[in-house]
Amino acid sequence: MQIDLTGKKALVTGASRGLGRAIALSLARAGADVVITYEKSVDKARGRR
């Protein structure tokens, strides 16, 4: 099932790792503009390890 979220906005908290990161990536792949929050690591939030 494909969902088109083009033009929609999403806020995902805790998106630097785990479930929050997976959700943020899925929303972005579906076309949403995603804003994320994270506690400590800018590098992890950007996908770097």
Protein backbone atom coordinates (compact mmCIF):
# COMPACT_ATOMS: atom_id res chain seq x y z
CA MET A 1 0.00 0.00 0.00
CA GLN A 2 1.39 3.39 -1.00
CA ILE A 3 0.41 6.62 0.73
CA ASP A 4 1.07 9.98 -0.91
CA LEU A 5 1.92 12.59 1.71
CA THR A 6 3.14 15.21 -0.74
CA GLY A 7 2.45 18.67 0.65
CA LYS A 8 1.86 17.36 4.17
CA LYS A 9 4.02 18.23 7.16
CA ALA A 10 5.06 15.89 9.97
CA LEU A 11 6.80 16.39 13.30
CA VAL A 12 8.62 13.36 14.69
CA THR A 13 10.15 13.48 18.16
CA GLY A 14 13.09 11.27 19.08
CA ALA A 15 13.98 10.77 15.43
CA SER A 16 17.74 10.26 15.73
CA ARG A 17 17.43 6.51 16.29
CA GLY A 18 15.14 3.54 16.58
CA LEU A 19 11.44 3.75 15.90
CA GLY A 20 11.40 7.55 15.62
CA ARG A 21 14.07 7.44 12.90
CA ALA A 22 12.21 4.71 11.00
CA ILE A 23 8.99 6.70 11.14
CA ALA A 24 10.69 9.91 9.96
CA LEU A 25 12.31 8.10 7.03
CA SER A 26 9.03 6.44 6.04
CA LEU A 27 7.16 9.73 6.12
CA ALA A 28 9.86 11.40 4.03
CA ARG A 29 9.76 8.57 1.46
CA ALA A 30 6.00 9.09 1.22
CA GLY A 31 6.61 12.74 0.31
CA ALA A 32 6.02 14.54 3.61
CA ASP A 33 8.10 17.48 4.78
CA VAL A 34 9.51 16.09 8.04
CA VAL A 35 10.72 18.08 11.04
CA ILE A 36 12.58 16.05 13.64
CA THR A 37 13.65 16.57 17.23
CA TYR A 38 16.39 14.71 19.01
CA GLU A 39 18.03 14.82 22.42
CA LYS A 40 21.78 14.74 21.93
CA SER A 41 23.35 13.71 18.65
CA VAL A 42 23.21 15.89 15.54
CA ASP A 43 25.29 13.29 13.68
CA LYS A 44 22.83 10.50 14.50
CA ALA A 45 19.91 12.70 13.49
CA ARG A 46 21.60 13.25 10.12
CA GLY A 47 22.09 9.52 9.69
CA ARG A 48 25.79 9.43 10.57
CA ARG A 49 27.14 7.00 13.12
